[in-house]
Protein backbone atom coordinates (compact mmCIF):
# COMPACT_ATOMS: atom_id res chain seq x y z
CA UNK A 1 0.14 -0.04 0.00
CA UNK A 2 1.02 3.55 -0.80
CA UNK A 3 0.95 6.34 2.03
CA UNK A 4 -0.98 9.09 0.93
CA UNK A 5 -2.23 10.95 4.05
CA UNK A 6 -5.12 12.78 2.57
CA UNK A 7 -8.23 14.39 3.70
CA UNK A 8 -11.39 12.98 2.70
CA UNK A 9 -15.22 12.65 3.73
CA UNK A 10 -17.24 9.76 4.57
CA UNK A 11 -21.07 10.98 3.75
CA UNK A 12 -22.67 7.40 4.22
CA UNK A 13 -21.83 5.17 7.05
CA UNK A 14 -23.12 1.79 8.07
CA UNK A 15 -25.00 1.70 11.42
CA UNK A 16 -21.89 0.45 13.12
CA UNK A 17 -19.82 3.46 11.73
CA UNK A 18 -18.13 1.64 8.84
CA UNK A 19 -17.89 4.12 5.94
CA UNK A 20 -19.90 3.03 2.98
CA UNK A 21 -19.07 5.71 0.53
CA UNK A 22 -15.57 7.65 0.73
CA UNK A 23 -15.03 10.77 -1.45
CA UNK A 24 -11.47 12.10 -2.03
CA UNK A 25 -10.11 14.27 -4.68
CA UNK A 26 -13.14 14.49 -6.92
CA UNK A 27 -13.47 10.59 -6.79
CA UNK A 28 -16.20 8.53 -5.15
CA UNK A 29 -15.36 5.05 -3.76
CA UNK A 30 -18.02 2.36 -2.63
CA UNK A 31 -17.44 -0.05 0.09
CA UNK A 32 -17.12 -3.75 -1.48
CA UNK A 33 -15.75 -5.33 1.71
CA UNK A 34 -14.46 -4.43 5.08
CA UNK A 35 -11.13 -6.15 5.49
CA UNK A 36 -10.16 -4.95 8.90
CA UNK A 37 -10.95 -2.47 11.68
CA UNK A 38 -9.18 -1.54 14.60
CA UNK A 39 -8.48 1.49 17.27
CA UNK A 40 -5.06 3.23 17.25
CA UNK A 41 -3.52 5.49 19.32
CA UNK A 42 -1.89 8.86 17.90
CA UNK A 43 1.67 9.71 17.49
CA UNK A 44 1.97 11.93 20.93
CA UNK A 45 4.84 13.60 19.69
CA UNK A 46 3.13 14.89 16.63
CA UNK A 47 0.22 15.83 18.66
CA UNK A 48 -1.88 13.40 16.82
CA UNK A 49 -5.22 12.20 18.45
CA UNK A 50 -6.31 8.68 18.64
CA UNK A 51 -8.37 7.22 15.69
CA UNK A 52 -10.56 4.34 14.45
CA UNK A 53 -8.95 2.80 11.31
CA UNK A 54 -10.61 0.68 8.45
CA UNK A 55 -9.08 -1.54 5.76
CA UNK A 56 -11.76 -1.17 3.10
CA UNK A 57 -11.97 -2.94 -0.40
CA UNK A 58 -13.80 -0.59 -2.78
CA UNK A 59 -13.96 -2.58 -6.02
CA UNK A 60 -10.34 -2.84 -7.37
CA UNK A 61 -8.98 -0.05 -4.64
CA UNK A 62 -8.18 -0.96 -1.42
CA UNK A 63 -8.23 1.93 1.16
CA UNK A 64 -7.01 2.39 4.68
CA UNK A 65 -9.08 5.19 6.16
CA UNK A 66 -8.98 6.77 9.55
CA UNK A 67 -11.61 8.77 11.66
CA UNK A 68 -9.75 10.83 14.28
CA UNK A 69 -11.31 11.50 17.62
CA UNK A 70 -11.19 15.27 16.71
CA UNK A 71 -10.48 17.16 13.64
CA UNK A 72 -6.82 17.12 12.94
CA UNK A 73 -5.13 19.16 10.22
CA UNK A 74 -8.65 20.45 8.90
CA UNK A 75 -10.41 17.15 8.73
CA UNK A 76 -11.64 14.35 10.84
CA UNK A 77 -11.53 11.90 8.04
CA UNK A 78 -8.31 10.69 6.34
CA UNK A 79 -7.14 8.40 3.78
CA UNK A 80 -3.98 7.04 5.07
CA UNK A 81 -3.07 4.56 2.51
CA UNK A 82 -4.15 3.49 -1.04
CA UNK A 83 -3.55 0.36 -3.27
CA UNK A 84 -4.89 0.14 -6.64
């Protein structure tokens, strides 16, 4: 997976909070399969908050997406890594 660290939005979520739709850079990704989900602590030396992380298959693309506990660098949702 390639690190990208880009803000995104997740306008549609499942009842458990998993993103169904991710929008980033004018593209829309739709969830095909949830591959993993975990809670991660932030890198305290960077002032990064804790976050929930999902690894999602969205058709031929795999995204690692995070929802930070608070808005971080202008967004609460981030695509951390992408594999296409």
